[in-house]
Every structure is written in C-alpha cells, then in structure tokens.
C-alpha cells in the first residue's frame, strides 16, 4: 500500500464513537469547516499518543495523514450513522457471516464478514472470496496471466 521506502500505519478505535457529537456537521463542507477539523484532531489525539509510545517522533515522517470520522464512514462507506463492523440481531448468536451465500455465484466480503473489521481483515475476506471461487493453483495461474509480480507464486507454479 505504501511506496518503497515508506510504511502505512492504520490505527482506529473501537467502533463506538458517539455519532451525536458529529451530527451538527451533516451537510457541511467538512473540508473547510474549522470546528469539524478541530474535532477530528481532538478525537484522533489519543490514537496519536498511543502510537508515539512506540514511535516517539512518528509525526516527523508522516507524508499523508487521513482521519476518518463517523461522517466519513457514512459518506464514503454508506454506513448508517457511520458505524462499521458486523450487524448482530438482538437475541441472536454471535457468528460472522461467511463469504458464501445461499445464492449461487453471489459472494460477500468486507468488515461484516467472517474476517472482521480493519484493513487486514477486510483484505483477508477478499482473499477468502477468491478462494471460494478458484483453487489456489487457478489463482496463481491467473496472477501469471495478469503479470502479478510475485516470485513466490512463480516458485509455487514451477513446483507443480
């Protein structure tokens, strides 16, 4: 995800950010609203403090910094009131849906499937969908056709 010589830090809090503190910004140009931008910084501060405990001068190397809010999730991810993760029915069991569905040929991936929330889990759910569609060997052949750079996949294909 990051160019050579750079890294990605993806940090997030539990999905319990109170929506009511963000509601006043609905319909506002959030790129320019000073109060909105200040609230984003205020709410992100504890995460930066936690990161600085492990990487003391982390901000010195930041090239791109993005802070998401419940409004961000509502707008770009089409999430009700900016929430994310699995929607559990009251009184039901706790089980993440699988990537397969009862409808042939319909698969699902994302933060509301078996892998869970967060970038690594969502990426994993995409891999689970690929595994449901094609065998590993079929995927490796497909990677070769689209010139997917992967010396590991080439070695696996040669062994076969």
N, C-alpha and C. Protein backbone atom coordinates (compact mmCIF):
# COMPACT_ATOMS: atom_id res chain seq x y z
N UNK A 1 0.80 -1.20 0.00
CA UNK A 1 0.00 0.00 0.00
C UNK A 1 0.84 1.27 0.00
N UNK A 2 2.06 1.17 0.49
CA UNK A 2 2.92 2.34 0.55
C UNK A 2 4.05 2.19 -0.48
N UNK A 3 4.49 3.30 -1.06
CA UNK A 3 5.62 3.22 -1.99
C UNK A 3 6.89 2.76 -1.27
N UNK A 4 7.83 2.28 -2.04
CA UNK A 4 9.09 1.81 -1.46
C UNK A 4 9.71 2.91 -0.60
N UNK A 5 10.20 2.51 0.57
CA UNK A 5 10.82 3.45 1.49
C UNK A 5 9.83 4.10 2.46
N UNK A 6 8.56 3.75 2.33
CA UNK A 6 7.52 4.28 3.20
C UNK A 6 6.75 3.14 3.86
N UNK A 7 5.96 3.45 4.84
CA UNK A 7 5.15 2.46 5.54
C UNK A 7 3.76 3.02 5.77
N UNK A 8 2.84 2.13 6.08
CA UNK A 8 1.47 2.53 6.42
C UNK A 8 1.23 2.22 7.89
N UNK A 9 0.68 3.19 8.58
CA UNK A 9 0.17 2.95 9.93
C UNK A 9 -1.34 3.15 9.83
N UNK A 10 -2.07 2.11 10.14
CA UNK A 10 -3.53 2.20 10.12
C UNK A 10 -3.98 1.96 11.56
N UNK A 11 -4.52 2.98 12.17
CA UNK A 11 -4.96 2.87 13.56
C UNK A 11 -6.41 3.30 13.67
N UNK A 12 -7.14 2.62 14.51
CA UNK A 12 -8.53 3.00 14.72
C UNK A 12 -8.96 2.62 16.12
N UNK A 13 -9.98 3.27 16.58
CA UNK A 13 -10.52 2.97 17.90
C UNK A 13 -11.68 2.00 17.74
N UNK A 14 -12.22 1.57 18.85
CA UNK A 14 -13.41 0.72 18.80
C UNK A 14 -14.51 1.47 18.07
N UNK A 15 -15.41 0.74 17.47
CA UNK A 15 -16.48 1.36 16.69
C UNK A 15 -17.59 1.93 17.55
N UNK A 16 -17.22 2.66 18.58
CA UNK A 16 -18.24 3.21 19.47
C UNK A 16 -18.16 4.74 19.57
N UNK A 17 -17.63 5.36 18.55
CA UNK A 17 -17.56 6.82 18.53
C UNK A 17 -18.99 7.36 18.54
N UNK A 18 -19.33 8.22 19.51
CA UNK A 18 -20.71 8.72 19.58
C UNK A 18 -21.06 9.59 18.38
N UNK A 19 -22.09 9.20 17.68
CA UNK A 19 -22.48 9.91 16.47
C UNK A 19 -23.03 11.30 16.78
N UNK A 20 -23.67 11.45 17.92
CA UNK A 20 -24.33 12.72 18.20
C UNK A 20 -23.37 13.92 18.21
N UNK A 21 -22.10 13.70 18.51
CA UNK A 21 -21.17 14.84 18.50
C UNK A 21 -20.80 15.26 17.08
N UNK A 22 -21.11 14.42 16.11
CA UNK A 22 -20.79 14.72 14.71
C UNK A 22 -22.00 15.20 13.93
N UNK A 23 -23.20 14.97 14.44
CA UNK A 23 -24.43 15.29 13.69
C UNK A 23 -24.51 16.74 13.23
N UNK A 24 -23.99 17.65 14.02
CA UNK A 24 -24.10 19.06 13.65
C UNK A 24 -23.32 19.39 12.37
N UNK A 25 -22.47 18.48 11.94
CA UNK A 25 -21.68 18.72 10.74
C UNK A 25 -22.27 18.05 9.49
N UNK A 26 -23.40 17.38 9.62
CA UNK A 26 -24.04 16.77 8.46
C UNK A 26 -24.42 17.88 7.46
N UNK A 27 -24.07 17.68 6.21
CA UNK A 27 -24.40 18.66 5.18
C UNK A 27 -23.44 19.84 5.11
N UNK A 28 -22.44 19.88 5.96
CA UNK A 28 -21.45 20.97 5.98
C UNK A 28 -20.26 20.56 5.11
N UNK A 29 -19.60 21.54 4.50
CA UNK A 29 -18.37 21.24 3.75
C UNK A 29 -17.28 20.91 4.77
N UNK A 30 -17.10 19.64 5.05
CA UNK A 30 -16.20 19.21 6.11
C UNK A 30 -14.73 19.43 5.77
N UNK A 31 -14.41 19.71 4.52
CA UNK A 31 -13.02 20.01 4.16
C UNK A 31 -12.61 21.40 4.60
N UNK A 32 -13.60 22.26 4.85
CA UNK A 32 -13.29 23.66 5.16
C UNK A 32 -13.78 24.11 6.53
N UNK A 33 -14.64 23.34 7.17
CA UNK A 33 -15.23 23.77 8.44
C UNK A 33 -14.21 23.63 9.58
N UNK A 34 -13.81 24.75 10.15
CA UNK A 34 -12.76 24.78 11.19
C UNK A 34 -13.16 23.98 12.42
N UNK A 35 -14.42 24.05 12.82
CA UNK A 35 -14.87 23.33 14.01
C UNK A 35 -14.82 21.82 13.78
N UNK A 36 -15.21 21.39 12.59
CA UNK A 36 -15.14 19.96 12.25
C UNK A 36 -13.70 19.47 12.25
N UNK A 37 -12.82 20.20 11.60
CA UNK A 37 -11.42 19.82 11.52
C UNK A 37 -10.78 19.77 12.91
N UNK A 38 -11.15 20.70 13.77
CA UNK A 38 -10.63 20.71 15.15
C UNK A 38 -11.12 19.50 15.93
N UNK A 39 -12.40 19.15 15.74
CA UNK A 39 -12.94 17.99 16.45
C UNK A 39 -12.27 16.70 15.98
N UNK A 40 -11.99 16.61 14.69
CA UNK A 40 -11.26 15.45 14.18
C UNK A 40 -9.91 15.31 14.88
N UNK A 41 -9.19 16.42 14.97
CA UNK A 41 -7.87 16.39 15.62
C UNK A 41 -8.00 16.00 17.09
N UNK A 42 -8.99 16.57 17.76
CA UNK A 42 -9.21 16.27 19.18
C UNK A 42 -9.51 14.79 19.40
N UNK A 43 -10.38 14.23 18.57
CA UNK A 43 -10.78 12.84 18.74
C UNK A 43 -9.67 11.87 18.32
N UNK A 44 -8.77 12.31 17.41
CA UNK A 44 -7.67 11.45 16.97
C UNK A 44 -6.47 11.52 17.91
N UNK A 45 -6.41 12.54 18.75
CA UNK A 45 -5.24 12.75 19.62
C UNK A 45 -4.88 11.52 20.48
N UNK A 46 -5.83 10.83 21.11
CA UNK A 46 -5.44 9.66 21.90
C UNK A 46 -4.78 8.55 21.09
N UNK A 47 -5.18 8.40 19.83
CA UNK A 47 -4.52 7.39 18.98
C UNK A 47 -3.08 7.79 18.70
N UNK A 48 -2.86 9.09 18.39
CA UNK A 48 -1.50 9.55 18.14
C UNK A 48 -0.64 9.41 19.39
N UNK A 49 -1.22 9.65 20.54
CA UNK A 49 -0.47 9.46 21.80
C UNK A 49 -0.05 8.01 21.95
N UNK A 50 -0.95 7.08 21.65
CA UNK A 50 -0.63 5.65 21.75
C UNK A 50 0.46 5.27 20.75
N UNK A 51 0.38 5.78 19.53
CA UNK A 51 1.40 5.47 18.52
C UNK A 51 2.75 6.03 18.94
N UNK A 52 2.76 7.25 19.50
CA UNK A 52 4.03 7.87 19.94
C UNK A 52 4.71 7.08 21.06
N UNK A 53 3.96 6.30 21.81
CA UNK A 53 4.59 5.46 22.84
C UNK A 53 5.54 4.44 22.22
N UNK A 54 5.25 4.01 21.00
CA UNK A 54 6.09 3.04 20.30
C UNK A 54 7.00 3.69 19.25
N UNK A 55 6.53 4.79 18.67
CA UNK A 55 7.29 5.51 17.64
C UNK A 55 7.31 6.98 18.07
N UNK A 56 8.26 7.36 18.93
CA UNK A 56 8.22 8.68 19.57
C UNK A 56 8.10 9.89 18.65
N UNK A 57 8.75 9.91 17.52
CA UNK A 57 8.69 11.09 16.65
C UNK A 57 7.95 10.77 15.35
N UNK A 58 6.91 9.99 15.45
CA UNK A 58 6.19 9.49 14.27
C UNK A 58 5.73 10.61 13.34
N UNK A 59 5.27 11.73 13.89
CA UNK A 59 4.73 12.79 13.04
C UNK A 59 5.76 13.40 12.11
N UNK A 60 7.05 13.31 12.47
CA UNK A 60 8.10 13.88 11.63
C UNK A 60 8.18 13.21 10.25
N UNK A 61 7.77 11.95 10.18
CA UNK A 61 7.87 11.22 8.92
C UNK A 61 6.56 11.07 8.16
N UNK A 62 5.50 11.65 8.68
CA UNK A 62 4.20 11.48 8.04
C UNK A 62 4.15 12.24 6.71
N UNK A 63 3.77 11.52 5.66
CA UNK A 63 3.64 12.11 4.34
C UNK A 63 2.16 12.37 4.04
N UNK A 64 1.32 11.40 4.33
CA UNK A 64 -0.13 11.52 4.14
C UNK A 64 -0.79 11.13 5.45
N UNK A 65 -1.72 11.96 5.88
CA UNK A 65 -2.43 11.68 7.14
C UNK A 65 -3.91 11.87 6.88
N UNK A 66 -4.68 10.85 7.16
CA UNK A 66 -6.13 10.93 6.98
C UNK A 66 -6.81 10.51 8.27
N UNK A 67 -7.78 11.28 8.69
CA UNK A 67 -8.55 10.96 9.88
C UNK A 67 -9.99 10.75 9.45
N UNK A 68 -10.50 9.57 9.70
CA UNK A 68 -11.89 9.27 9.38
C UNK A 68 -12.77 9.50 10.59
N UNK A 69 -14.00 9.86 10.34
CA UNK A 69 -14.99 10.08 11.40
C UNK A 69 -16.24 9.28 11.05
N UNK A 70 -17.20 9.23 11.94
CA UNK A 70 -18.46 8.60 11.56
C UNK A 70 -19.09 9.22 10.30
N UNK A 71 -18.90 10.52 10.10
CA UNK A 71 -19.42 11.15 8.88
C UNK A 71 -18.67 10.63 7.65
N UNK A 72 -17.38 10.39 7.79
CA UNK A 72 -16.59 9.83 6.70
C UNK A 72 -17.14 8.46 6.32
N UNK A 73 -17.38 7.62 7.34
CA UNK A 73 -17.91 6.28 7.08
C UNK A 73 -19.30 6.33 6.47
N UNK A 74 -20.13 7.24 6.96
CA UNK A 74 -21.48 7.37 6.40
C UNK A 74 -21.43 7.79 4.94
N UNK A 75 -20.55 8.73 4.62
CA UNK A 75 -20.49 9.25 3.26
C UNK A 75 -19.83 8.29 2.28
N UNK A 76 -18.64 7.81 2.62
CA UNK A 76 -17.87 7.02 1.66
C UNK A 76 -18.15 5.52 1.72
N UNK A 77 -18.59 5.03 2.87
CA UNK A 77 -18.86 3.60 3.01
C UNK A 77 -20.35 3.30 3.08
N UNK A 78 -21.17 4.37 3.04
CA UNK A 78 -22.63 4.24 3.08
C UNK A 78 -23.08 3.49 4.33
N UNK A 79 -22.45 3.81 5.47
CA UNK A 79 -22.77 3.15 6.73
C UNK A 79 -23.72 4.01 7.54
N UNK A 80 -24.78 3.40 8.06
CA UNK A 80 -25.78 4.11 8.87
C UNK A 80 -25.10 4.72 10.09
N UNK A 81 -25.22 6.03 10.22
CA UNK A 81 -24.65 6.78 11.34
C UNK A 81 -23.14 6.51 11.52
N UNK A 82 -22.49 6.12 10.44
CA UNK A 82 -21.05 5.98 10.44
C UNK A 82 -20.51 4.76 11.15
N UNK A 83 -21.36 3.80 11.48
CA UNK A 83 -20.86 2.62 12.18
C UNK A 83 -20.14 1.69 11.21
N UNK A 84 -19.48 0.70 11.75
CA UNK A 84 -18.84 -0.29 10.90
C UNK A 84 -18.78 -1.60 11.66
N UNK A 85 -18.50 -2.66 10.93
CA UNK A 85 -18.44 -3.97 11.53
C UNK A 85 -19.74 -4.72 11.36
N UNK A 86 -19.81 -5.82 12.03
CA UNK A 86 -20.92 -6.74 11.91
C UNK A 86 -22.19 -6.20 12.55
N UNK A 87 -23.31 -6.36 11.88
CA UNK A 87 -24.62 -6.03 12.45
C UNK A 87 -25.20 -7.31 13.04
N UNK A 88 -25.34 -7.33 14.34
CA UNK A 88 -25.87 -8.52 15.02
C UNK A 88 -27.33 -8.30 15.38
N UNK A 89 -28.14 -9.30 15.15
CA UNK A 89 -29.55 -9.22 15.54
C UNK A 89 -29.65 -9.41 17.05
N UNK A 90 -30.51 -8.64 17.68
CA UNK A 90 -30.72 -8.76 19.13
C UNK A 90 -31.20 -10.17 19.46
N UNK A 91 -30.63 -10.74 20.50
CA UNK A 91 -31.04 -12.07 20.95
C UNK A 91 -30.48 -13.21 20.12
N UNK A 92 -29.76 -12.89 19.07
CA UNK A 92 -29.19 -13.94 18.22
C UNK A 92 -27.81 -14.35 18.70
N UNK A 93 -27.26 -15.33 18.05
CA UNK A 93 -25.91 -15.77 18.37
C UNK A 93 -24.89 -14.83 17.77
N UNK A 94 -23.65 -15.02 18.17
CA UNK A 94 -22.56 -14.19 17.66
C UNK A 94 -21.79 -15.01 16.64
N UNK A 95 -22.13 -14.81 15.37
CA UNK A 95 -21.42 -15.50 14.31
C UNK A 95 -21.30 -14.57 13.11
N UNK A 96 -20.08 -14.39 12.65
CA UNK A 96 -19.86 -13.58 11.46
C UNK A 96 -20.35 -14.38 10.24
N UNK A 97 -21.00 -13.71 9.30
CA UNK A 97 -21.41 -14.40 8.07
C UNK A 97 -20.20 -14.86 7.27
N UNK A 98 -20.35 -15.98 6.61
CA UNK A 98 -19.28 -16.47 5.73
C UNK A 98 -19.29 -15.67 4.43
N UNK A 99 -18.26 -15.88 3.62
CA UNK A 99 -18.20 -15.16 2.34
C UNK A 99 -19.15 -15.74 1.32
N UNK A 100 -19.56 -16.99 1.51
CA UNK A 100 -20.52 -17.60 0.60
C UNK A 100 -21.93 -17.23 1.04
N UNK A 101 -22.86 -17.32 0.10
CA UNK A 101 -24.27 -17.03 0.38
C UNK A 101 -25.12 -18.18 -0.16
N UNK A 102 -26.38 -18.22 0.20
CA UNK A 102 -27.26 -19.26 -0.36
C UNK A 102 -27.48 -19.11 -1.87
N UNK A 103 -27.19 -17.93 -2.42
CA UNK A 103 -27.38 -17.70 -3.86
C UNK A 103 -26.12 -18.10 -4.62
N UNK A 104 -26.23 -19.04 -5.55
CA UNK A 104 -25.06 -19.48 -6.32
C UNK A 104 -24.41 -18.30 -7.05
N UNK A 105 -23.10 -18.20 -6.92
CA UNK A 105 -22.35 -17.15 -7.61
C UNK A 105 -22.33 -15.82 -6.89
N UNK A 106 -23.04 -15.68 -5.78
CA UNK A 106 -23.03 -14.43 -5.02
C UNK A 106 -22.15 -14.61 -3.78
N UNK A 107 -21.14 -13.79 -3.67
CA UNK A 107 -20.22 -13.83 -2.54
C UNK A 107 -20.20 -12.47 -1.88
N UNK A 108 -19.72 -12.42 -0.66
CA UNK A 108 -19.63 -11.14 0.03
C UNK A 108 -18.27 -11.04 0.72
N UNK A 109 -17.78 -9.82 0.81
CA UNK A 109 -16.55 -9.58 1.54
C UNK A 109 -16.67 -8.23 2.21
N UNK A 110 -15.79 -7.96 3.15
CA UNK A 110 -15.82 -6.69 3.85
C UNK A 110 -15.82 -6.89 5.35
N UNK A 111 -16.05 -5.79 6.06
CA UNK A 111 -15.93 -5.81 7.52
C UNK A 111 -17.08 -6.49 8.22
N UNK A 112 -18.12 -6.87 7.50
CA UNK A 112 -19.24 -7.55 8.15
C UNK A 112 -19.26 -9.04 7.82
N UNK A 113 -18.10 -9.56 7.41
CA UNK A 113 -18.00 -11.00 7.15
C UNK A 113 -17.06 -11.63 8.16
N UNK A 114 -16.83 -12.89 7.97
CA UNK A 114 -16.12 -13.72 8.94
C UNK A 114 -14.75 -13.19 9.37
N UNK A 115 -14.05 -12.48 8.50
CA UNK A 115 -12.72 -11.99 8.87
C UNK A 115 -12.76 -10.84 9.87
N UNK A 116 -13.82 -10.03 9.83
CA UNK A 116 -13.97 -8.95 10.80
C UNK A 116 -13.57 -7.59 10.27
N UNK A 117 -13.38 -6.65 11.21
CA UNK A 117 -13.12 -5.27 10.84
C UNK A 117 -11.63 -4.98 10.74
N UNK A 118 -11.30 -3.89 10.07
CA UNK A 118 -9.92 -3.45 9.90
C UNK A 118 -9.40 -3.81 8.53
N UNK A 119 -8.41 -3.08 8.07
CA UNK A 119 -7.87 -3.28 6.73
C UNK A 119 -7.36 -4.70 6.52
N UNK A 120 -6.54 -5.27 7.42
CA UNK A 120 -6.06 -6.64 7.17
C UNK A 120 -7.21 -7.65 7.09
N UNK A 121 -8.20 -7.51 7.96
CA UNK A 121 -9.31 -8.45 7.95
C UNK A 121 -10.15 -8.32 6.69
N UNK A 122 -10.39 -7.09 6.26
CA UNK A 122 -11.18 -6.88 5.04
C UNK A 122 -10.43 -7.42 3.83
N UNK A 123 -9.12 -7.20 3.77
CA UNK A 123 -8.33 -7.77 2.68
C UNK A 123 -8.39 -9.29 2.71
N UNK A 124 -8.36 -9.85 3.92
CA UNK A 124 -8.46 -11.30 4.07
C UNK A 124 -9.80 -11.81 3.57
N UNK A 125 -10.87 -11.06 3.80
CA UNK A 125 -12.18 -11.51 3.33
C UNK A 125 -12.20 -11.54 1.80
N UNK A 126 -11.49 -10.62 1.16
CA UNK A 126 -11.38 -10.66 -0.30
C UNK A 126 -10.64 -11.91 -0.76
N UNK A 127 -9.59 -12.27 -0.04
CA UNK A 127 -8.85 -13.50 -0.35
C UNK A 127 -9.74 -14.73 -0.13
N UNK A 128 -10.57 -14.69 0.91
CA UNK A 128 -11.49 -15.80 1.16
C UNK A 128 -12.48 -15.95 0.00
N UNK A 129 -12.95 -14.82 -0.53
CA UNK A 129 -13.84 -14.87 -1.70
C UNK A 129 -13.11 -15.49 -2.89
N UNK A 130 -11.88 -15.06 -3.12
CA UNK A 130 -11.10 -15.62 -4.22
C UNK A 130 -10.93 -17.13 -4.05
N UNK A 131 -10.68 -17.56 -2.81
CA UNK A 131 -10.52 -18.99 -2.53
C UNK A 131 -11.82 -19.76 -2.74
N UNK A 132 -12.94 -19.09 -2.51
CA UNK A 132 -14.23 -19.74 -2.74
C UNK A 132 -14.52 -19.88 -4.24
N UNK A 133 -13.95 -19.00 -5.04
CA UNK A 133 -14.19 -19.02 -6.48
C UNK A 133 -13.22 -19.92 -7.24
N UNK A 134 -11.95 -19.85 -6.85
CA UNK A 134 -10.89 -20.56 -7.58
C UNK A 134 -9.98 -21.27 -6.61
N UNK A 135 -9.38 -22.36 -7.07
CA UNK A 135 -8.36 -23.01 -6.24
C UNK A 135 -7.12 -22.11 -6.18
N UNK A 136 -6.25 -22.39 -5.26
CA UNK A 136 -5.02 -21.62 -5.15
C UNK A 136 -4.23 -21.69 -6.46
N UNK A 137 -4.18 -22.87 -7.08
CA UNK A 137 -3.42 -23.04 -8.32
C UNK A 137 -4.05 -22.23 -9.45
N UNK A 138 -5.39 -22.19 -9.50
CA UNK A 138 -6.06 -21.38 -10.52
C UNK A 138 -5.76 -19.89 -10.29
N UNK A 139 -5.70 -19.48 -9.04
CA UNK A 139 -5.38 -18.08 -8.73
C UNK A 139 -3.96 -17.74 -9.16
N UNK A 140 -3.03 -18.65 -8.89
CA UNK A 140 -1.64 -18.40 -9.28
C UNK A 140 -1.49 -18.30 -10.80
N UNK A 141 -2.21 -19.14 -11.53
CA UNK A 141 -2.18 -19.05 -12.99
C UNK A 141 -2.77 -17.73 -13.46
N UNK A 142 -3.84 -17.29 -12.80
CA UNK A 142 -4.45 -16.01 -13.14
C UNK A 142 -3.46 -14.87 -12.88
N UNK A 143 -2.76 -14.93 -11.74
CA UNK A 143 -1.75 -13.92 -11.44
C UNK A 143 -0.69 -13.87 -12.53
N UNK A 144 -0.30 -15.04 -13.03
CA UNK A 144 0.70 -15.09 -14.08
C UNK A 144 0.18 -14.44 -15.36
N UNK A 145 -1.08 -14.66 -15.68
CA UNK A 145 -1.67 -14.07 -16.89
C UNK A 145 -1.74 -12.55 -16.81
N UNK A 146 -1.99 -12.02 -15.62
CA UNK A 146 -2.09 -10.56 -15.50
C UNK A 146 -0.76 -9.95 -15.06
N UNK A 147 0.29 -10.78 -15.07
CA UNK A 147 1.64 -10.34 -14.73
C UNK A 147 1.72 -9.78 -13.31
N UNK A 148 1.04 -10.45 -12.39
CA UNK A 148 1.07 -10.06 -10.99
C UNK A 148 2.46 -10.35 -10.46
N UNK A 149 3.19 -9.34 -10.00
CA UNK A 149 4.57 -9.58 -9.54
C UNK A 149 4.57 -10.40 -8.25
N UNK A 150 5.12 -11.59 -8.36
CA UNK A 150 5.20 -12.42 -7.17
C UNK A 150 6.14 -13.58 -7.44
N UNK A 151 7.34 -13.45 -6.95
CA UNK A 151 8.30 -14.53 -7.16
C UNK A 151 7.85 -15.78 -6.40
N UNK A 152 7.13 -15.60 -5.28
CA UNK A 152 6.64 -16.74 -4.51
C UNK A 152 5.63 -17.54 -5.33
N UNK A 153 4.72 -16.84 -6.02
CA UNK A 153 3.72 -17.56 -6.81
C UNK A 153 4.39 -18.27 -7.99
N UNK A 154 5.40 -17.65 -8.58
CA UNK A 154 6.11 -18.30 -9.68
C UNK A 154 6.79 -19.58 -9.20
N UNK A 155 7.41 -19.53 -8.02
CA UNK A 155 8.07 -20.73 -7.50
C UNK A 155 7.05 -21.84 -7.23
N UNK A 156 5.89 -21.47 -6.71
CA UNK A 156 4.86 -22.48 -6.43
C UNK A 156 4.36 -23.12 -7.72
N UNK A 157 4.18 -22.32 -8.76
CA UNK A 157 3.73 -22.87 -10.04
C UNK A 157 4.78 -23.79 -10.65
N UNK A 158 6.05 -23.45 -10.49
CA UNK A 158 7.13 -24.29 -11.05
C UNK A 158 7.18 -25.65 -10.34
N UNK A 159 6.87 -25.68 -9.06
CA UNK A 159 6.90 -26.94 -8.31
C UNK A 159 5.80 -27.88 -8.76
N UNK A 160 4.73 -27.34 -9.27
CA UNK A 160 3.55 -28.14 -9.59
C UNK A 160 3.73 -28.95 -10.79
